[in-house]
N, C-alpha and C. Protein backbone atom coordinates (compact mmCIF):
# COMPACT_ATOMS: atom_id res chain seq x y z
N MET A 1 66.07 15.33 25.75
CA MET A 1 66.46 14.52 24.63
C MET A 1 65.29 14.37 23.66
N THR A 2 65.55 14.64 22.45
CA THR A 2 64.51 14.56 21.43
C THR A 2 64.42 13.18 20.78
N VAL A 3 65.31 12.28 21.12
CA VAL A 3 65.31 10.95 20.51
C VAL A 3 64.08 10.16 20.97
N PHE A 4 63.71 10.33 22.24
CA PHE A 4 62.60 9.54 22.78
C PHE A 4 61.25 10.25 22.70
N SER A 5 61.21 11.47 22.28
CA SER A 5 59.94 12.18 22.18
C SER A 5 59.43 12.11 20.74
N GLU A 6 58.12 12.06 20.60
CA GLU A 6 57.53 11.97 19.27
C GLU A 6 57.23 13.36 18.74
N LYS A 7 57.29 13.48 17.43
CA LYS A 7 56.95 14.74 16.80
C LYS A 7 55.42 14.83 16.71
N GLY A 8 54.89 16.00 16.77
CA GLY A 8 53.45 16.19 16.63
C GLY A 8 53.04 16.09 15.17
N GLY A 9 51.84 15.58 14.90
CA GLY A 9 51.32 15.50 13.54
C GLY A 9 51.80 14.27 12.80
N ILE A 10 51.52 14.27 11.49
CA ILE A 10 51.91 13.14 10.65
C ILE A 10 52.88 13.61 9.59
N THR A 11 53.64 12.68 9.06
CA THR A 11 54.61 13.04 8.02
C THR A 11 53.89 13.14 6.68
N ARG A 12 54.59 13.72 5.72
CA ARG A 12 54.04 13.87 4.38
C ARG A 12 53.79 12.49 3.77
N ARG A 13 54.68 11.56 3.97
CA ARG A 13 54.54 10.21 3.45
C ARG A 13 53.30 9.52 4.05
N GLN A 14 53.06 9.67 5.35
CA GLN A 14 51.89 9.08 6.00
C GLN A 14 50.61 9.70 5.47
N PHE A 15 50.64 11.00 5.21
CA PHE A 15 49.46 11.69 4.68
C PHE A 15 49.08 11.12 3.31
N PHE A 16 50.05 11.01 2.40
CA PHE A 16 49.75 10.50 1.07
C PHE A 16 49.33 9.03 1.10
N LYS A 17 49.91 8.28 1.98
CA LYS A 17 49.53 6.88 2.13
C LYS A 17 48.07 6.77 2.59
N GLY A 18 47.71 7.52 3.60
CA GLY A 18 46.34 7.52 4.10
C GLY A 18 45.35 8.04 3.06
N ALA A 19 45.74 9.10 2.34
CA ALA A 19 44.86 9.66 1.31
C ALA A 19 44.65 8.66 0.19
N GLY A 20 45.71 7.94 -0.18
CA GLY A 20 45.59 6.93 -1.23
C GLY A 20 44.66 5.81 -0.83
N ILE A 21 44.81 5.34 0.39
CA ILE A 21 43.93 4.27 0.88
C ILE A 21 42.49 4.75 0.92
N LEU A 22 42.28 5.98 1.36
CA LEU A 22 40.93 6.55 1.41
C LEU A 22 40.34 6.67 0.01
N ALA A 23 41.13 7.11 -0.96
CA ALA A 23 40.63 7.26 -2.33
C ALA A 23 40.27 5.91 -2.93
N ILE A 24 41.12 4.92 -2.73
CA ILE A 24 40.84 3.58 -3.26
C ILE A 24 39.58 3.01 -2.62
N THR A 25 39.43 3.21 -1.33
CA THR A 25 38.23 2.73 -0.62
C THR A 25 36.98 3.41 -1.16
N ALA A 26 37.05 4.72 -1.41
CA ALA A 26 35.90 5.46 -1.93
C ALA A 26 35.52 4.96 -3.32
N VAL A 27 36.52 4.74 -4.18
CA VAL A 27 36.25 4.27 -5.53
C VAL A 27 35.62 2.87 -5.50
N LEU A 28 36.20 1.98 -4.72
CA LEU A 28 35.65 0.62 -4.63
C LEU A 28 34.23 0.62 -4.07
N THR A 29 33.99 1.45 -3.07
CA THR A 29 32.64 1.55 -2.50
C THR A 29 31.66 2.03 -3.56
N GLY A 30 32.05 3.03 -4.33
CA GLY A 30 31.19 3.54 -5.40
C GLY A 30 30.90 2.49 -6.45
N VAL A 31 31.92 1.75 -6.85
CA VAL A 31 31.73 0.72 -7.87
C VAL A 31 30.79 -0.37 -7.36
N PHE A 32 31.03 -0.86 -6.15
CA PHE A 32 30.17 -1.92 -5.62
C PHE A 32 28.75 -1.45 -5.36
N SER A 33 28.58 -0.21 -4.93
CA SER A 33 27.22 0.28 -4.71
C SER A 33 26.49 0.44 -6.05
N LYS A 34 27.20 0.85 -7.09
CA LYS A 34 26.59 0.96 -8.43
C LYS A 34 26.15 -0.41 -8.92
N ILE A 35 27.00 -1.41 -8.72
CA ILE A 35 26.63 -2.77 -9.12
C ILE A 35 25.39 -3.23 -8.35
N GLY A 36 25.35 -2.95 -7.05
CA GLY A 36 24.19 -3.33 -6.24
C GLY A 36 22.92 -2.64 -6.67
N ILE A 37 23.02 -1.35 -6.99
CA ILE A 37 21.84 -0.60 -7.44
C ILE A 37 21.34 -1.15 -8.77
N ASP A 38 22.27 -1.43 -9.70
CA ASP A 38 21.88 -1.98 -10.99
C ASP A 38 21.21 -3.34 -10.85
N MET A 39 21.75 -4.16 -9.96
CA MET A 39 21.15 -5.49 -9.74
C MET A 39 19.75 -5.36 -9.14
N THR A 40 19.58 -4.43 -8.23
CA THR A 40 18.27 -4.22 -7.62
C THR A 40 17.26 -3.77 -8.66
N LYS A 41 17.66 -2.83 -9.52
CA LYS A 41 16.76 -2.36 -10.58
C LYS A 41 16.40 -3.48 -11.54
N ALA A 42 17.40 -4.30 -11.91
CA ALA A 42 17.13 -5.42 -12.80
C ALA A 42 16.16 -6.41 -12.15
N GLY A 43 16.34 -6.67 -10.86
CA GLY A 43 15.44 -7.57 -10.15
C GLY A 43 14.03 -7.00 -10.08
N ASP A 44 13.91 -5.71 -9.83
CA ASP A 44 12.59 -5.08 -9.77
C ASP A 44 11.89 -5.14 -11.13
N ASP A 45 12.65 -4.90 -12.20
CA ASP A 45 12.08 -4.99 -13.54
C ASP A 45 11.58 -6.40 -13.84
N TYR A 46 12.39 -7.39 -13.47
CA TYR A 46 12.00 -8.78 -13.70
C TYR A 46 10.72 -9.12 -12.93
N ILE A 47 10.66 -8.70 -11.69
CA ILE A 47 9.47 -8.99 -10.87
C ILE A 47 8.23 -8.34 -11.47
N ALA A 48 8.36 -7.10 -11.92
CA ALA A 48 7.21 -6.41 -12.51
C ALA A 48 6.75 -7.10 -13.79
N LYS A 49 7.70 -7.50 -14.64
CA LYS A 49 7.34 -8.18 -15.89
C LYS A 49 6.71 -9.54 -15.60
N ARG A 50 7.24 -10.25 -14.62
CA ARG A 50 6.71 -11.57 -14.27
C ARG A 50 5.28 -11.44 -13.73
N ALA A 51 5.06 -10.47 -12.87
CA ALA A 51 3.71 -10.26 -12.32
C ALA A 51 2.73 -9.90 -13.43
N GLN A 52 3.14 -9.03 -14.35
CA GLN A 52 2.27 -8.65 -15.46
C GLN A 52 1.94 -9.86 -16.33
N GLY A 53 2.94 -10.71 -16.57
CA GLY A 53 2.70 -11.93 -17.35
C GLY A 53 1.72 -12.86 -16.68
N LEU A 54 1.84 -13.01 -15.38
CA LEU A 54 0.91 -13.87 -14.65
C LEU A 54 -0.51 -13.32 -14.66
N TYR A 55 -0.64 -12.00 -14.50
CA TYR A 55 -1.97 -11.39 -14.55
C TYR A 55 -2.59 -11.56 -15.94
N THR A 56 -1.77 -11.42 -16.99
CA THR A 56 -2.27 -11.59 -18.35
C THR A 56 -2.74 -13.02 -18.58
N LEU A 57 -1.96 -13.99 -18.13
CA LEU A 57 -2.38 -15.39 -18.26
C LEU A 57 -3.66 -15.66 -17.49
N ASP A 58 -3.77 -15.10 -16.30
CA ASP A 58 -4.95 -15.30 -15.48
C ASP A 58 -6.19 -14.72 -16.16
N GLU A 59 -6.05 -13.56 -16.78
CA GLU A 59 -7.20 -12.93 -17.45
C GLU A 59 -7.68 -13.76 -18.64
N LYS A 60 -6.78 -14.50 -19.28
CA LYS A 60 -7.14 -15.28 -20.47
C LYS A 60 -7.79 -16.62 -20.12
N MET A 61 -7.67 -17.06 -18.87
CA MET A 61 -8.20 -18.38 -18.48
C MET A 61 -9.73 -18.34 -18.43
N THR A 62 -10.35 -19.44 -18.86
CA THR A 62 -11.81 -19.51 -18.81
C THR A 62 -12.30 -19.80 -17.40
N ILE A 63 -11.59 -20.66 -16.67
CA ILE A 63 -11.94 -20.96 -15.27
C ILE A 63 -10.89 -20.29 -14.40
N ARG A 64 -11.31 -19.27 -13.66
CA ARG A 64 -10.35 -18.50 -12.88
C ARG A 64 -10.41 -18.79 -11.38
N LYS A 65 -11.40 -19.55 -10.95
CA LYS A 65 -11.55 -19.85 -9.52
C LYS A 65 -11.63 -21.36 -9.35
N SER A 66 -10.85 -21.89 -8.41
CA SER A 66 -10.78 -23.35 -8.25
C SER A 66 -12.13 -23.94 -7.84
N HIS A 67 -12.92 -23.22 -7.07
CA HIS A 67 -14.20 -23.79 -6.63
C HIS A 67 -15.24 -23.81 -7.75
N GLU A 68 -14.94 -23.19 -8.90
CA GLU A 68 -15.83 -23.25 -10.05
C GLU A 68 -15.34 -24.24 -11.11
N ASN A 69 -14.22 -24.89 -10.87
CA ASN A 69 -13.63 -25.83 -11.81
C ASN A 69 -14.45 -27.12 -11.82
N PRO A 70 -14.98 -27.53 -12.99
CA PRO A 70 -15.82 -28.73 -13.05
C PRO A 70 -15.08 -30.00 -12.61
N GLU A 71 -13.78 -30.08 -12.86
CA GLU A 71 -13.01 -31.25 -12.44
C GLU A 71 -12.91 -31.33 -10.92
N ILE A 72 -12.73 -30.19 -10.27
CA ILE A 72 -12.66 -30.17 -8.81
C ILE A 72 -14.03 -30.51 -8.22
N ILE A 73 -15.08 -29.97 -8.80
CA ILE A 73 -16.44 -30.28 -8.33
C ILE A 73 -16.71 -31.77 -8.45
N GLN A 74 -16.30 -32.37 -9.58
CA GLN A 74 -16.50 -33.81 -9.77
C GLN A 74 -15.66 -34.62 -8.78
N LEU A 75 -14.45 -34.17 -8.48
CA LEU A 75 -13.60 -34.84 -7.50
C LEU A 75 -14.27 -34.87 -6.13
N TYR A 76 -14.88 -33.75 -5.74
CA TYR A 76 -15.59 -33.73 -4.46
C TYR A 76 -16.80 -34.66 -4.50
N LYS A 77 -17.56 -34.63 -5.59
CA LYS A 77 -18.77 -35.47 -5.69
C LYS A 77 -18.43 -36.96 -5.66
N ASP A 78 -17.33 -37.34 -6.33
CA ASP A 78 -17.00 -38.76 -6.45
C ASP A 78 -16.17 -39.30 -5.30
N PHE A 79 -15.28 -38.49 -4.75
CA PHE A 79 -14.30 -39.06 -3.83
C PHE A 79 -14.24 -38.36 -2.48
N LEU A 80 -14.12 -37.06 -2.46
CA LEU A 80 -13.85 -36.35 -1.20
C LEU A 80 -15.09 -36.21 -0.31
N SER A 81 -16.24 -36.01 -0.91
CA SER A 81 -17.49 -35.97 -0.14
C SER A 81 -18.58 -36.58 -1.04
N PRO A 82 -18.66 -37.90 -1.10
CA PRO A 82 -19.53 -38.60 -2.07
C PRO A 82 -20.96 -38.09 -2.08
N GLY A 83 -21.43 -37.79 -3.30
CA GLY A 83 -22.81 -37.37 -3.50
C GLY A 83 -23.04 -35.88 -3.36
N GLU A 84 -22.12 -35.14 -2.83
CA GLU A 84 -22.30 -33.70 -2.65
C GLU A 84 -20.96 -32.98 -2.77
N VAL A 85 -21.04 -31.67 -2.87
CA VAL A 85 -19.82 -30.87 -2.90
C VAL A 85 -19.68 -30.23 -1.53
N LYS A 86 -18.85 -30.81 -0.70
CA LYS A 86 -18.66 -30.34 0.66
C LYS A 86 -17.17 -30.16 0.91
N PRO A 87 -16.64 -28.93 0.68
CA PRO A 87 -15.20 -28.70 0.77
C PRO A 87 -14.62 -28.96 2.15
N MET A 88 -15.36 -28.89 3.20
CA MET A 88 -14.81 -29.05 4.54
C MET A 88 -15.06 -30.45 5.10
N SER A 89 -15.23 -31.43 4.22
CA SER A 89 -15.46 -32.80 4.70
C SER A 89 -14.22 -33.33 5.40
N GLU A 90 -14.41 -34.36 6.21
CA GLU A 90 -13.31 -34.95 6.96
C GLU A 90 -12.23 -35.48 6.03
N LYS A 91 -12.62 -36.20 4.98
CA LYS A 91 -11.66 -36.78 4.05
C LYS A 91 -10.89 -35.67 3.31
N ALA A 92 -11.60 -34.63 2.88
CA ALA A 92 -10.94 -33.52 2.19
C ALA A 92 -9.94 -32.84 3.12
N HIS A 93 -10.30 -32.67 4.36
CA HIS A 93 -9.41 -32.05 5.32
C HIS A 93 -8.12 -32.86 5.48
N HIS A 94 -8.25 -34.16 5.63
CA HIS A 94 -7.08 -35.01 5.85
C HIS A 94 -6.20 -35.12 4.61
N LEU A 95 -6.79 -35.18 3.43
CA LEU A 95 -6.01 -35.39 2.21
C LEU A 95 -5.44 -34.10 1.62
N LEU A 96 -6.12 -33.00 1.80
CA LEU A 96 -5.69 -31.78 1.12
C LEU A 96 -4.89 -30.82 1.98
N HIS A 97 -4.88 -31.01 3.28
CA HIS A 97 -4.08 -30.14 4.14
C HIS A 97 -2.65 -30.65 4.23
N THR A 98 -1.72 -29.76 4.17
CA THR A 98 -0.30 -30.11 4.13
C THR A 98 0.20 -30.51 5.50
N ARG A 99 1.05 -31.53 5.52
CA ARG A 99 1.71 -31.96 6.74
C ARG A 99 3.21 -31.77 6.57
N TYR A 100 3.89 -31.47 7.65
CA TYR A 100 5.33 -31.24 7.58
C TYR A 100 6.06 -32.08 8.62
N GLY A 101 7.31 -32.37 8.33
CA GLY A 101 8.24 -32.93 9.30
C GLY A 101 7.80 -34.20 9.97
N GLN A 102 7.66 -34.15 11.28
CA GLN A 102 7.40 -35.32 12.10
C GLN A 102 5.98 -35.87 11.91
N ASP A 103 5.07 -35.07 11.35
CA ASP A 103 3.69 -35.51 11.17
C ASP A 103 3.52 -36.49 10.01
N ILE A 104 4.45 -36.51 9.07
CA ILE A 104 4.29 -37.28 7.84
C ILE A 104 4.23 -38.79 8.09
N PRO A 105 5.16 -39.41 8.84
CA PRO A 105 5.07 -40.87 9.04
C PRO A 105 3.75 -41.31 9.69
N ALA A 106 3.29 -40.57 10.68
CA ALA A 106 2.02 -40.91 11.33
C ALA A 106 0.86 -40.77 10.34
N PHE A 107 0.93 -39.78 9.48
CA PHE A 107 -0.12 -39.56 8.49
C PHE A 107 -0.15 -40.71 7.48
N ILE A 108 1.00 -41.19 7.07
CA ILE A 108 1.07 -42.31 6.13
C ILE A 108 0.47 -43.57 6.76
N GLU A 109 0.79 -43.82 8.01
CA GLU A 109 0.21 -44.97 8.71
C GLU A 109 -1.30 -44.83 8.83
N GLU A 110 -1.76 -43.62 9.09
CA GLU A 110 -3.21 -43.38 9.19
C GLU A 110 -3.90 -43.68 7.87
N LEU A 111 -3.31 -43.24 6.76
CA LEU A 111 -3.89 -43.50 5.46
C LEU A 111 -3.88 -44.98 5.12
N LYS A 112 -2.80 -45.70 5.48
CA LYS A 112 -2.74 -47.13 5.26
C LYS A 112 -3.84 -47.84 6.04
N GLY A 113 -4.06 -47.42 7.29
CA GLY A 113 -5.12 -48.00 8.11
C GLY A 113 -6.50 -47.78 7.52
N GLN A 114 -6.74 -46.58 7.00
CA GLN A 114 -8.03 -46.29 6.36
C GLN A 114 -8.21 -47.12 5.09
N HIS A 115 -7.12 -47.32 4.37
CA HIS A 115 -7.20 -48.10 3.13
C HIS A 115 -7.51 -49.57 3.44
N GLU A 116 -6.88 -50.10 4.49
CA GLU A 116 -7.12 -51.49 4.88
C GLU A 116 -8.53 -51.69 5.39
N GLU A 117 -9.08 -50.71 6.11
CA GLU A 117 -10.46 -50.80 6.60
C GLU A 117 -11.44 -50.79 5.45
N ALA A 118 -11.16 -50.00 4.42
CA ALA A 118 -12.07 -49.90 3.28
C ALA A 118 -12.03 -51.18 2.44
N ALA A 119 -10.90 -51.88 2.45
CA ALA A 119 -10.75 -53.08 1.62
C ALA A 119 -11.40 -54.29 2.18
């Protein structure tokens, strides 16, 4: 009985349906990849222009190094290490190093305690 047996291969209608789906998928893939490539190029151009702008600004500055900045030197002399320029002083370490997350409340209490002792 041929009613219960399957024919070998695919029908013409199935072939065109599959080919159509494949063609649409290929076109959409090409379009999206083109958009991605264009966006990447635009991003690269922006990054290059931004870097060049920053380098140009840096070259025009009179003080280019923070340790040569007279205001920073004065800050160390007056407050962070009184009487001298000592970048690794205890006070400079505590005030200028960044704290994150759970360390912040304890750090605030520590600073309050130091302020009360000085007063």
